[in-house]
C-alpha atoms as a PDB file:
ATOM      1  CA  MET A   1     -44.053   7.017  20.944  1.00  0.00           C
ATOM      2  CA  GLY A   2     -41.551   3.871  21.438  1.00  0.00           C
ATOM      3  CA  LEU A   3     -38.008   3.095  21.324  1.00  0.00           C
ATOM      4  CA  ARG A   4     -35.683   6.254  20.400  1.00  0.00           C
ATOM      5  CA  VAL A   5     -33.292   3.696  17.669  1.00  0.00           C
ATOM      6  CA  VAL A   6     -30.550   5.449  15.879  1.00  0.00           C
ATOM      7  CA  VAL A   7     -29.105   3.889  12.648  1.00  0.00           C
ATOM      8  CA  THR A   8     -26.029   5.509  11.660  1.00  0.00           C
ATOM      9  CA  HIS A   9     -22.831   5.114   9.768  1.00  0.00           C
ATOM     10  CA  THR A  10     -19.854   3.830  10.979  1.00  0.00           C
ATOM     11  CA  ASP A  11     -17.272   6.781  10.302  1.00  0.00           C
ATOM     12  CA  LEU A  12     -17.000  10.057  12.411  1.00  0.00           C
ATOM     13  CA  ASP A  13     -19.697  11.600  10.362  1.00  0.00           C
ATOM     14  CA  GLY A  14     -21.979   9.003  11.353  1.00  0.00           C
ATOM     15  CA  ILE A  15     -20.900   8.633  14.972  1.00  0.00           C
ATOM     16  CA  ALA A  16     -20.788  12.365  15.232  1.00  0.00           C
ATOM     17  CA  SER A  17     -24.344  12.776  13.886  1.00  0.00           C
ATOM     18  CA  ALA A  18     -25.686  10.318  16.482  1.00  0.00           C
ATOM     19  CA  ALA A  19     -23.621  12.197  19.425  1.00  0.00           C
ATOM     20  CA  LEU A  20     -25.813  14.843  18.587  1.00  0.00           C
ATOM     21  CA  ILE A  21     -28.978  12.854  19.038  1.00  0.00           C
ATOM     22  CA  LEU A  22     -28.036  11.867  22.353  1.00  0.00           C
ATOM     23  CA  ARG A  23     -26.793  15.377  23.617  1.00  0.00           C
ATOM     24  CA  GLU A  24     -30.143  16.393  22.740  1.00  0.00           C
ATOM     25  CA  PHE A  25     -32.494  13.897  24.199  1.00  0.00           C
ATOM     26  CA  GLY A  26     -30.371  12.203  26.660  1.00  0.00           C
ATOM     27  CA  GLY A  27     -30.643   8.786  25.657  1.00  0.00           C
ATOM     28  CA  ILE A  28     -30.816   6.178  23.119  1.00  0.00           C
ATOM     29  CA  ASP A  29     -32.587   2.917  23.482  1.00  0.00           C
ATOM     30  CA  ARG A  30     -30.775   1.311  20.246  1.00  0.00           C
ATOM     31  CA  LEU A  31     -28.382   2.129  18.291  1.00  0.00           C
ATOM     32  CA  TYR A  32     -27.028   0.755  14.962  1.00  0.00           C
ATOM     33  CA  PHE A  33     -23.534   1.241  13.089  1.00  0.00           C
ATOM     34  CA  ILE A  34     -23.535   0.053   9.705  1.00  0.00           C
ATOM     35  CA  GLN A  35     -22.963   0.542   5.915  1.00  0.00           C
ATOM     36  CA  PRO A  36     -25.863   1.499   3.584  1.00  0.00           C
ATOM     37  CA  HIS A  37     -25.888  -1.743   1.519  1.00  0.00           C
ATOM     38  CA  ARG A  38     -26.911  -3.385   5.118  1.00  0.00           C
ATOM     39  CA  LEU A  39     -29.601  -0.789   5.941  1.00  0.00           C
ATOM     40  CA  HIS A  40     -32.683  -2.584   4.882  1.00  0.00           C
ATOM     41  CA  SER A  41     -31.744  -5.515   7.335  1.00  0.00           C
ATOM     42  CA  VAL A  42     -30.927  -3.607  10.261  1.00  0.00           C
ATOM     43  CA  LEU A  43     -34.389  -1.353   9.678  1.00  0.00           C
ATOM     44  CA  ALA A  44     -36.157  -4.980  10.355  1.00  0.00           C
ATOM     45  CA  ARG A  45     -35.205  -5.098  13.443  1.00  0.00           C
ATOM     46  CA  VAL A  46     -36.747  -1.961  14.344  1.00  0.00           C
ATOM     47  CA  PRO A  47     -40.093  -2.487  16.262  1.00  0.00           C
ATOM     48  CA  ASN A  48     -43.170  -0.999  15.758  1.00  0.00           C
ATOM     49  CA  GLY A  49     -44.042   2.352  16.832  1.00  0.00           C
ATOM     50  CA  ALA A  50     -40.635   3.192  16.957  1.00  0.00           C
ATOM     51  CA  GLU A  51     -39.014   6.571  16.875  1.00  0.00           C
ATOM     52  CA  LEU A  52     -36.593   6.300  14.692  1.00  0.00           C
ATOM     53  CA  TYR A  53     -33.421   8.625  13.449  1.00  0.00           C
ATOM     54  CA  ILE A  54     -31.316   7.623  10.140  1.00  0.00           C
ATOM     55  CA  THR A  55     -28.125   9.501   9.573  1.00  0.00           C
ATOM     56  CA  ASP A  56     -25.124   9.725   7.098  1.00  0.00           C
ATOM     57  CA  LEU A  57     -26.345   6.599   5.074  1.00  0.00           C
ATOM     58  CA  GLY A  58     -27.814   7.219   1.401  1.00  0.00           C
ATOM     59  CA  ALA A  59     -30.421   5.415  -0.455  1.00  0.00           C
ATOM     60  CA  ASN A  60     -28.940   2.362  -2.362  1.00  0.00           C
ATOM     61  CA  SER A  61     -30.415   1.036  -5.777  1.00  0.00           C
ATOM     62  CA  SER A  62     -30.122  -2.684  -4.720  1.00  0.00           C
ATOM     63  CA  THR A  63     -32.187  -2.151  -1.401  1.00  0.00           C
ATOM     64  CA  ILE A  64     -33.838   0.995  -1.634  1.00  0.00           C
ATOM     65  CA  SER A  65     -37.379  -1.031  -2.319  1.00  0.00           C
ATOM     66  CA  ARG A  66     -36.887  -3.040   1.334  1.00  0.00           C
ATOM     67  CA  VAL A  67     -35.923   0.191   2.823  1.00  0.00           C
ATOM     68  CA  VAL A  68     -39.002   1.797   2.093  1.00  0.00           C
ATOM     69  CA  ALA A  69     -41.376  -1.116   2.972  1.00  0.00           C
ATOM     70  CA  GLU A  70     -39.754  -0.803   6.261  1.00  0.00           C
ATOM     71  CA  LEU A  71     -40.133   2.584   6.769  1.00  0.00           C
ATOM     72  CA  ARG A  72     -43.930   2.458   5.856  1.00  0.00           C
ATOM     73  CA  ARG A  73     -43.922  -0.071   8.626  1.00  0.00           C
ATOM     74  CA  VAL A  74     -42.569   1.793  11.340  1.00  0.00           C
ATOM     75  CA  VAL A  75     -44.727   4.918  10.401  1.00  0.00           C
ATOM     76  CA  GLY A  76     -47.966   2.867   9.799  1.00  0.00           C
ATOM     77  CA  SER A  77     -47.745   1.483  13.163  1.00  0.00           C
ATOM     78  CA  GLY A  78     -47.826   4.743  14.658  1.00  0.00           C
ATOM     79  CA  GLY A  79     -43.557   5.788  14.579  1.00  0.00           C
ATOM     80  CA  ARG A  80     -42.030   8.524  13.378  1.00  0.00           C
ATOM     81  CA  VAL A  81     -39.029   8.191  10.635  1.00  0.00           C
ATOM     82  CA  ARG A  82     -36.424  11.554  10.244  1.00  0.00           C
ATOM     83  CA  TRP A  83     -33.790  10.804   7.975  1.00  0.00           C
ATOM     84  CA  PHE A  84     -30.593  13.105   8.004  1.00  0.00           C
ATOM     85  CA  ASP A  85     -28.083  12.918   4.998  1.00  0.00           C
ATOM     86  CA  HIS A  86     -25.477  14.541   2.607  1.00  0.00           C
ATOM     87  CA  HIS A  87     -25.298  12.110  -0.183  1.00  0.00           C
ATOM     88  CA  VAL A  88     -26.848  12.438  -3.672  1.00  0.00           C
ATOM     89  CA  TRP A  89     -30.307  11.050  -4.222  1.00  0.00           C
ATOM     90  CA  ASP A  90     -32.607  10.012  -7.325  1.00  0.00           C
ATOM     91  CA  GLY A  91     -35.421  11.816  -7.555  1.00  0.00           C
ATOM     92  CA  GLU A  92     -37.499   8.690  -7.344  1.00  0.00           C
ATOM     93  CA  TRP A  93     -35.445   7.565  -4.249  1.00  0.00           C
ATOM     94  CA  VAL A  94     -36.726  10.965  -2.409  1.00  0.00           C
ATOM     95  CA  SER A  95     -40.268  10.352  -3.439  1.00  0.00           C
ATOM     96  CA  ALA A  96     -40.369   6.737  -2.503  1.00  0.00           C
ATOM     97  CA  VAL A  97     -39.120   7.854   1.121  1.00  0.00           C
ATOM     98  CA  THR A  98     -41.152  10.613   1.733  1.00  0.00           C
ATOM     99  CA  ASP A  99     -44.168   8.704   0.521  1.00  0.00           C
ATOM    100  CA  ALA A 100     -43.748   6.374   3.071  1.00  0.00           C
ATOM    101  CA  GLY A 101     -44.428   8.756   5.738  1.00  0.00           C
ATOM    102  CA  ALA A 102     -40.666   9.420   6.413  1.00  0.00           C
ATOM    103  CA  GLU A 103     -39.384  13.290   7.053  1.00  0.00           C
ATOM    104  CA  LEU A 104     -35.857  13.475   5.114  1.00  0.00           C
ATOM    105  CA  TYR A 105     -33.457  16.316   5.150  1.00  0.00           C
ATOM    106  CA  ILE A 106     -30.704  16.199   2.624  1.00  0.00           C
ATOM    107  CA  ASP A 107     -28.263  18.844   2.104  1.00  0.00           C
ATOM    108  CA  ARG A 108     -25.227  17.698   0.022  1.00  0.00           C
ATOM    109  CA  GLY A 109     -23.397  20.938   0.512  1.00  0.00           C
ATOM    110  CA  THR A 110     -22.169  19.844   4.385  1.00  0.00           C
ATOM    111  CA  CYS A 111     -21.631  16.809   6.425  1.00  0.00           C
ATOM    112  CA  ALA A 112     -24.456  14.914   7.716  1.00  0.00           C
ATOM    113  CA  THR A 113     -23.597  16.193  11.266  1.00  0.00           C
ATOM    114  CA  ASP A 114     -24.456  19.504  10.017  1.00  0.00           C
ATOM    115  CA  VAL A 115     -27.656  18.401   8.740  1.00  0.00           C
ATOM    116  CA  VAL A 116     -28.902  16.701  11.977  1.00  0.00           C
ATOM    117  CA  ALA A 117     -27.731  20.130  13.726  1.00  0.00           C
ATOM    118  CA  LYS A 118     -29.547  22.236  11.554  1.00  0.00           C
ATOM    119  CA  ASN A 119     -32.802  20.333  11.328  1.00  0.00           C
ATOM    120  CA  LEU A 120     -33.121  18.363  14.523  1.00  0.00           C
ATOM    121  CA  PRO A 121     -32.718  21.025  15.550  1.00  0.00           C
ATOM    122  CA  VAL A 122     -29.585  21.499  18.010  1.00  0.00           C
ATOM    123  CA  ARG A 123     -29.644  24.725  19.587  1.00  0.00           C
ATOM    124  CA  ASP A 124     -26.562  24.681  21.849  1.00  0.00           C
ATOM    125  CA  PRO A 125     -23.838  26.854  20.408  1.00  0.00           C
ATOM    126  CA  THR A 126     -20.789  24.782  21.825  1.00  0.00           C
ATOM    127  CA  VAL A 127     -21.633  21.927  19.153  1.00  0.00           C
ATOM    128  CA  ARG A 128     -20.486  23.983  16.760  1.00  0.00           C
ATOM    129  CA  ALA A 129     -16.715  22.486  17.007  1.00  0.00           C
ATOM    130  CA  LEU A 130     -18.174  19.087  16.977  1.00  0.00           C
ATOM    131  CA  VAL A 131     -19.834  19.732  13.817  1.00  0.00           C
ATOM    132  CA  ASP A 132     -16.929  21.691  11.903  1.00  0.00           C
ATOM    133  CA  ALA A 133     -14.239  19.077  12.807  1.00  0.00           C
ATOM    134  CA  THR A 134     -16.359  16.624  11.057  1.00  0.00           C
ATOM    135  CA  CYS A 135     -17.068  18.526   8.325  1.00  0.00           C
ATOM    136  CA  SER A 136     -13.557  19.509   7.674  1.00  0.00           C
ATOM    137  CA  VAL A 137     -12.682  15.491   7.298  1.00  0.00           C
ATOM    138  CA  ASP A 138     -15.825  14.270   5.634  1.00  0.00           C
ATOM    139  CA  LEU A 139     -15.911  16.627   2.933  1.00  0.00           C
ATOM    140  CA  TRP A 140     -12.340  15.971   2.640  1.00  0.00           C
ATOM    141  CA  VAL A 141     -11.275  20.063   3.093  1.00  0.00           C
ATOM    142  CA  PHE A 142      -9.357  19.793   6.330  1.00  0.00           C
ATOM    143  CA  ASN A 143      -9.572  23.129   7.107  1.00  0.00           C
ATOM    144  CA  HIS A 144     -10.588  22.444  10.986  1.00  0.00           C
ATOM    145  CA  TRP A 145      -7.631  21.515  13.057  1.00  0.00           C
ATOM    146  CA  LEU A 146     -10.099  19.133  15.463  1.00  0.00           C
ATOM    147  CA  GLY A 147     -11.258  17.132  12.317  1.00  0.00           C
ATOM    148  CA  ASN A 148      -8.092  14.590  11.671  1.00  0.00           C
ATOM    149  CA  TYR A 149      -7.892  14.293  15.585  1.00  0.00           C
ATOM    150  CA  LEU A 150     -11.268  13.181  15.971  1.00  0.00           C
ATOM    151  CA  SER A 151     -11.986  11.044  12.943  1.00  0.00           C
ATOM    152  CA  ARG A 152      -8.590   9.040  14.111  1.00  0.00           C
ATOM    153  CA  PHE A 153      -9.882   8.699  17.907  1.00  0.00           C
ATOM    154  CA  ALA A 154     -13.222   7.404  15.890  1.00  0.00           C
ATOM    155  CA  GLY A 155     -11.813   4.901  13.957  1.00  0.00           C
ATOM    156  CA  PHE A 156      -9.360   3.675  16.379  1.00  0.00           C
ATOM    157  CA  ARG A 157     -11.118   0.298  16.481  1.00  0.00           C
ATOM    158  CA  GLY A 158     -13.497  -1.576  14.870  1.00  0.00           C
ATOM    159  CA  GLY A 159     -16.702  -2.811  16.459  1.00  0.00           C
ATOM    160  CA  SER A 160     -19.751  -0.954  17.583  1.00  0.00           C
ATOM    161  CA  GLU A 161     -18.856  -1.263  21.376  1.00  0.00           C
ATOM    162  CA  TRP A 162     -16.166   1.179  20.681  1.00  0.00           C
ATOM    163  CA  LYS A 163     -18.168   3.715  18.361  1.00  0.00           C
ATOM    164  CA  GLY A 164     -20.942   3.546  21.049  1.00  0.00           C
ATOM    165  CA  TYR A 165     -18.090   4.776  23.484  1.00  0.00           C
ATOM    166  CA  VAL A 166     -16.956   7.339  21.243  1.00  0.00           C
ATOM    167  CA  VAL A 167     -20.903   8.671  20.558  1.00  0.00           C
ATOM    168  CA  ARG A 168     -21.164   9.069  23.956  1.00  0.00           C
ATOM    169  CA  LYS A 169     -17.611  10.763  24.712  1.00  0.00           C
ATOM    170  CA  LEU A 170     -18.715  13.158  21.753  1.00  0.00           C
ATOM    171  CA  ALA A 171     -21.783  13.818  23.136  1.00  0.00           C
ATOM    172  CA  SER A 172     -20.358  16.126  26.025  1.00  0.00           C
ATOM    173  CA  PHE A 173     -17.525  17.540  23.596  1.00  0.00           C
ATOM    174  CA  SER A 174     -16.804  20.817  23.567  1.00  0.00           C
ATOM    175  CA  GLY A 175     -13.663  21.473  21.714  1.00  0.00           C
ATOM    176  CA  GLU A 176     -11.161  20.761  24.048  1.00  0.00           C
ATOM    177  CA  LEU A 177      -8.510  17.387  23.372  1.00  0.00           C
ATOM    178  CA  ASP A 178      -7.963  15.218  26.374  1.00  0.00           C
ATOM    179  CA  GLU A 179      -5.581  13.312  27.381  1.00  0.00           C
ATOM    180  CA  GLU A 180      -7.218  10.139  26.068  1.00  0.00           C
ATOM    181  CA  ILE A 181      -8.126  11.762  22.589  1.00  0.00           C
ATOM    182  CA  LEU A 182      -4.182  12.716  22.012  1.00  0.00           C
ATOM    183  CA  GLY A 183      -3.065   9.254  23.168  1.00  0.00           C
ATOM    184  CA  VAL A 184      -5.711   7.143  20.876  1.00  0.00           C
ATOM    185  CA  VAL A 185      -4.435   9.598  17.902  1.00  0.00           C
ATOM    186  CA  GLU A 186      -0.600   9.027  18.522  1.00  0.00           C
ATOM    187  CA  LYS A 187      -1.269   5.359  18.113  1.00  0.00           C
ATOM    188  CA  CYS A 188      -3.459   5.607  14.671  1.00  0.00           C
ATOM    189  CA  VAL A 189      -0.521   7.641  13.517  1.00  0.00           C
ATOM    190  CA  ASP A 190       2.030   4.907  14.070  1.00  0.00           C
ATOM    191  CA  ARG A 191      -0.553   2.144  12.446  1.00  0.00           C
ATOM    192  CA  GLU A 192      -1.968   4.490   9.895  1.00  0.00           C
ATOM    193  CA  LEU A 193       1.901   4.854   8.529  1.00  0.00           C
ATOM    194  CA  SER A 194       2.282   0.979   8.449  1.00  0.00           C
ATOM    195  CA  VAL A 195      -0.899   0.694   7.081  1.00  0.00           C
ATOM    196  CA  ILE A 196      -0.319   3.063   3.859  1.00  0.00           C
ATOM    197  CA  GLY A 197       3.060   1.971   3.576  1.00  0.00           C
ATOM    198  CA  LYS A 198       1.651  -1.761   2.847  1.00  0.00           C
ATOM    199  CA  ALA A 199      -0.829  -0.235   0.708  1.00  0.00           C
ATOM    200  CA  LEU A 200       1.431   1.711  -1.336  1.00  0.00           C
ATOM    201  CA  ARG A 201       3.856  -1.512  -1.892  1.00  0.00           C
ATOM    202  CA  ARG A 202       0.509  -3.846  -3.027  1.00  0.00           C
ATOM    203  CA  ALA A 203      -1.013  -1.560  -5.190  1.00  0.00           C
ATOM    204  CA  GLY A 204      -2.072  -2.165  -8.477  1.00  0.00           C
ATOM    205  CA  LEU A 205      -2.504   0.152 -11.473  1.00  0.00           C
ATOM    206  CA  ALA A 206      -4.882   0.190 -14.505  1.00  0.00           C
ATOM    207  CA  ASP A 207      -4.520   2.780 -17.711  1.00  0.00           C
ATOM    208  CA  LEU A 208      -8.180   3.014 -18.967  1.00  0.00           C
ATOM    209  CA  GLY A 209      -6.978   5.018 -22.314  1.00  0.00           C
ATOM    210  CA  GLY A 210      -5.428   7.569 -20.047  1.00  0.00           C
ATOM    211  CA  LEU A 211      -7.634   7.187 -17.120  1.00  0.00           C
ATOM    212  CA  LYS A 212      -5.203   6.143 -14.173  1.00  0.00           C
ATOM    213  CA  VAL A 213      -7.179   3.514 -12.050  1.00  0.00           C
ATOM    214  CA  VAL A 214      -5.130   2.464  -9.096  1.00  0.00           C
ATOM    215  CA  TYR A 215      -6.857  -0.458  -6.695  1.00  0.00           C
ATOM    216  CA  TYR A 216      -5.899  -2.350  -3.496  1.00  0.00           C
ATOM    217  CA  LEU A 217      -7.596  -5.142  -1.174  1.00  0.00           C
ATOM    218  CA  LYS A 218      -7.704  -3.465   1.806  1.00  0.00           C
ATOM    219  CA  GLY A 219      -7.712  -6.129   5.378  1.00  0.00           C
ATOM    220  CA  ASP A 220     -10.768  -5.983   7.697  1.00  0.00           C
ATOM    221  CA  GLU A 221      -8.454  -4.391  10.273  1.00  0.00           C
ATOM    222  CA  GLU A 222      -8.000  -1.247   8.358  1.00  0.00           C
ATOM    223  CA  HIS A 223      -9.989   1.445   8.896  1.00  0.00           C
ATOM    224  CA  LEU A 224      -8.668   4.178   6.639  1.00  0.00           C
ATOM    225  CA  THR A 225     -10.279   3.650   3.514  1.00  0.00           C
ATOM    226  CA  SER A 226     -10.195   7.568   2.102  1.00  0.00           C
ATOM    227  CA  TYR A 227      -6.610   8.044   3.703  1.00  0.00           C
ATOM    228  CA  ILE A 228      -5.229   4.679   1.440  1.00  0.00           C
ATOM    229  CA  ALA A 229      -7.051   5.911  -0.935  1.00  0.00           C
ATOM    230  CA  ASN A 230      -5.600   9.434  -1.025  1.00  0.00           C
ATOM    231  CA  ALA A 231      -2.017   8.027  -0.735  1.00  0.00           C
ATOM    232  CA  LEU A 232      -2.488   5.609  -3.783  1.00  0.00           C
ATOM    233  CA  MET A 233      -3.404   8.419  -6.140  1.00  0.00           C
ATOM    234  CA  SER A 234      -0.778  10.808  -5.087  1.00  0.00           C
ATOM    235  CA  ARG A 235       1.511   8.297  -5.360  1.00  0.00           C
ATOM    236  CA  PHE A 236       0.850   6.999  -8.789  1.00  0.00           C
ATOM    237  CA  SER A 237      -0.777  10.444 -10.332  1.00  0.00           C
ATOM    238  CA  ALA A 238      -4.088   8.372 -10.769  1.00  0.00           C
ATOM    239  CA  GLU A 239      -7.755  10.004 -11.194  1.00  0.00           C
ATOM    240  CA  VAL A 240      -9.690   7.072  -9.112  1.00  0.00           C
ATOM    241  CA  ALA A 241      -8.826   4.257  -6.837  1.00  0.00           C
ATOM    242  CA  VAL A 242     -10.714   1.315  -5.644  1.00  0.00           C
ATOM    243  CA  ILE A 243     -10.437   0.083  -2.516  1.00  0.00           C
ATOM    244  CA  CYS A 244     -11.789  -3.416  -2.390  1.00  0.00           C
ATOM    245  CA  ARG A 245     -12.723  -5.247   0.529  1.00  0.00           C
ATOM    246  CA  ARG A 246     -14.136  -8.532   1.892  1.00  0.00           C
ATOM    247  CA  GLY A 247     -17.782  -7.707   0.982  1.00  0.00           C
ATOM    248  CA  SER A 248     -17.739  -4.247  -0.878  1.00  0.00           C
ATOM    249  CA  VAL A 249     -15.946  -1.532  -2.573  1.00  0.00           C
ATOM    250  CA  SER A 250     -15.065   1.770  -2.074  1.00  0.00           C
ATOM    251  CA  LEU A 251     -14.723   4.335  -4.853  1.00  0.00           C
ATOM    252  CA  ARG A 252     -12.385   7.869  -4.362  1.00  0.00           C
ATOM    253  CA  SER A 253     -11.654  10.192  -7.128  1.00  0.00           C
ATOM    254  CA  ARG A 254     -10.159  13.494  -8.057  1.00  0.00           C
ATOM    255  CA  GLY A 255     -12.699  14.858 -10.583  1.00  0.00           C
ATOM    256  CA  VAL A 256     -13.958  11.734 -12.128  1.00  0.00           C
ATOM    257  CA  ASN A 257     -17.594  10.745 -11.109  1.00  0.00           C
ATOM    258  CA  VAL A 258     -17.541   7.467  -9.447  1.00  0.00           C
ATOM    259  CA  ARG A 259     -21.283   7.749  -8.296  1.00  0.00           C
ATOM    260  CA  GLU A 260     -22.784   5.963 -11.316  1.00  0.00           C
ATOM    261  CA  VAL A 261     -20.208   3.039 -10.886  1.00  0.00           C
ATOM    262  CA  ALA A 262     -21.519   2.379  -7.626  1.00  0.00           C
ATOM    263  CA  LYS A 263     -24.999   2.851  -8.517  1.00  0.00           C
ATOM    264  CA  ALA A 264     -23.967  -0.015 -10.944  1.00  0.00           C
ATOM    265  CA  LEU A 265     -23.136  -2.316  -8.809  1.00  0.00           C
ATOM    266  CA  GLY A 266     -25.909  -1.683  -6.493  1.00  0.00           C
ATOM    267  CA  GLY A 267     -24.830   1.103  -4.478  1.00  0.00           C
ATOM    268  CA  GLY A 268     -24.509   4.931  -4.335  1.00  0.00           C
ATOM    269  CA  GLY A 269     -22.637   7.979  -2.363  1.00  0.00           C
ATOM    270  CA  HIS A 270     -21.064  11.288  -3.471  1.00  0.00           C
ATOM    271  CA  THR A 271     -19.970  12.237  -7.097  1.00  0.00           C
ATOM    272  CA  TYR A 272     -15.949  11.686  -5.805  1.00  0.00           C
ATOM    273  CA  ALA A 273     -16.590   9.072  -2.916  1.00  0.00           C
ATOM    274  CA  ALA A 274     -18.915   6.091  -3.273  1.00  0.00           C
ATOM    275  CA  GLY A 275     -19.525   2.544  -2.735  1.00  0.00           C
ATOM    276  CA  ALA A 276     -21.152  -0.726  -3.410  1.00  0.00           C
ATOM    277  CA  PRO A 277     -21.589  -4.331  -1.537  1.00  0.00           C
ATOM    278  CA  LEU A 278     -19.872  -7.040  -3.322  1.00  0.00           C
ATOM    279  CA  LYS A 279     -20.711 -10.568  -3.304  1.00  0.00           C
ATOM    280  CA  PRO A 280     -17.925 -12.706  -5.068  1.00  0.00           C
ATOM    281  CA  PRO A 281     -18.601 -16.407  -5.742  1.00  0.00           C
ATOM    282  CA  LEU A 282     -18.342 -18.903  -2.902  1.00  0.00           C
ATOM    283  CA  TYR A 283     -15.164 -20.542  -4.262  1.00  0.00           C
ATOM    284  CA  ILE A 284     -13.656 -16.669  -3.802  1.00  0.00           C
ATOM    285  CA  ARG A 285     -14.835 -16.420  -0.740  1.00  0.00           C
ATOM    286  CA  LEU A 286     -14.043 -19.456   0.548  1.00  0.00           C
ATOM    287  CA  LEU A 287     -10.089 -18.868  -0.844  1.00  0.00           C
ATOM    288  CA  TYR A 288     -10.352 -15.432   0.800  1.00  0.00           C
ATOM    289  CA  LEU A 289     -11.217 -17.297   4.194  1.00  0.00           C
ATOM    290  CA  LEU A 290      -7.947 -19.425   3.617  1.00  0.00           C
ATOM    291  CA  GLY A 291      -5.905 -16.319   3.148  1.00  0.00           C
ATOM    292  CA  ILE A 292      -5.583 -16.897  -0.564  1.00  0.00           C
ATOM    293  CA  ARG A 293      -7.046 -13.065  -1.351  1.00  0.00           C
ATOM    294  CA  GLY A 294      -5.675 -12.391  -4.741  1.00  0.00           C
ATOM    295  CA  PRO A 295      -8.517 -13.926  -6.622  1.00  0.00           C
ATOM    296  CA  HIS A 296     -10.862 -11.396  -4.588  1.00  0.00           C
ATOM    297  CA  LEU A 297      -9.053  -8.615  -5.767  1.00  0.00           C
ATOM    298  CA  LYS A 298      -8.853  -9.400  -9.538  1.00  0.00           C
ATOM    299  CA  TRP A 299     -12.598 -10.484  -9.589  1.00  0.00           C
ATOM    300  CA  CYS A 300     -13.343  -6.767  -7.564  1.00  0.00           C
ATOM    301  CA  VAL A 301     -11.266  -4.860  -9.838  1.00  0.00           C
ATOM    302  CA  ARG A 302     -12.971  -6.528 -12.947  1.00  0.00           C
ATOM    303  CA  ARG A 303     -16.372  -5.946 -11.773  1.00  0.00           C
ATOM    304  CA  VAL A 304     -15.244  -2.321 -11.419  1.00  0.00           C
ATOM    305  CA  LEU A 305     -13.768  -1.754 -14.796  1.00  0.00           C
ATOM    306  CA  LYS A 306     -16.886  -3.824 -16.502  1.00  0.00           C
ATOM    307  CA  HIS A 307     -18.525  -0.132 -15.701  1.00  0.00           C
ATOM    308  CA  SER A 308     -15.423   2.461 -16.468  1.00  0.00           C
ATOM    309  CA  ASN A 309     -17.867   3.536 -19.530  1.00  0.00           C
ATOM    310  CA  LEU A 310     -19.850   5.351 -16.640  1.00  0.00           C
ATOM    311  CA  LEU A 311     -16.683   6.966 -15.160  1.00  0.00           C
ATOM    312  CA  THR A 312     -16.749  10.415 -16.543  1.00  0.00           C
ATOM    313  CA  THR A 313     -14.582  13.622 -15.564  1.00  0.00           C
ATOM    314  CA  SER A 314     -16.693  15.942 -14.029  1.00  0.00           C
ATOM    315  CA  SER A 315     -16.423  19.957 -15.531  1.00  0.00           C
END
């Protein structure tokens, strides 16, 4: 079989998933960190005959057909595809991916790192600290004290170089925090308080017949989507948070199904945490690059609220 390629998400769950694969096999030839809406373009760079692992990336309605075509190419050329995920999948997506020859492992009751650990499988019992800590923050239950430390360490810097370094470090993680992690987390907390303070000052609020939606335009350097959303929903007693970014939007909620809105925008995700790619008109993108970002936020919020009829309260 050819090169071992791992394609994973950019957050702790994606990073920890890749770390388990590295730990199990001892090496990864190519490692990509991406958002779900870019999966098809990255898969196009995977060579024929590869040993391909996809982790913590759900299917998106706007790209699933192109993703399936790339999976079929890799498998048809003698490769193997194993996909580990915990997002919500439509039945036709599952059928399309498995019909293409991929081995698909989905468990919505846990995090992707745990799906990898159970189905790869990883038999080393010392990985449980990493798995449980990752699930703690990714599932937003905070039932393991290491979760917030590792999440902040993983998100300390953007870019693949730092995330690759964290993968290598977590591949040998056994549950102990060293001075490097503690030092990074201390810096993260200081920065986090500043970022959340700015979000609280600049957020907007919409009332959809009693359903409160808070919205905010997140800067490229701010990697705290769920923390920002949680702070905004708490401060403004909102049920839904819309976090706009330059090329995408993230939706978070308390008791409201936001995935259907994300699907309508070409994305997907979980019931209470979803996202989608966004491509504003050219003039709005140019204004954004010039530092005039109000039009981008207004356009983003209008796009989301256009589908507000799909926001349903879960029983």
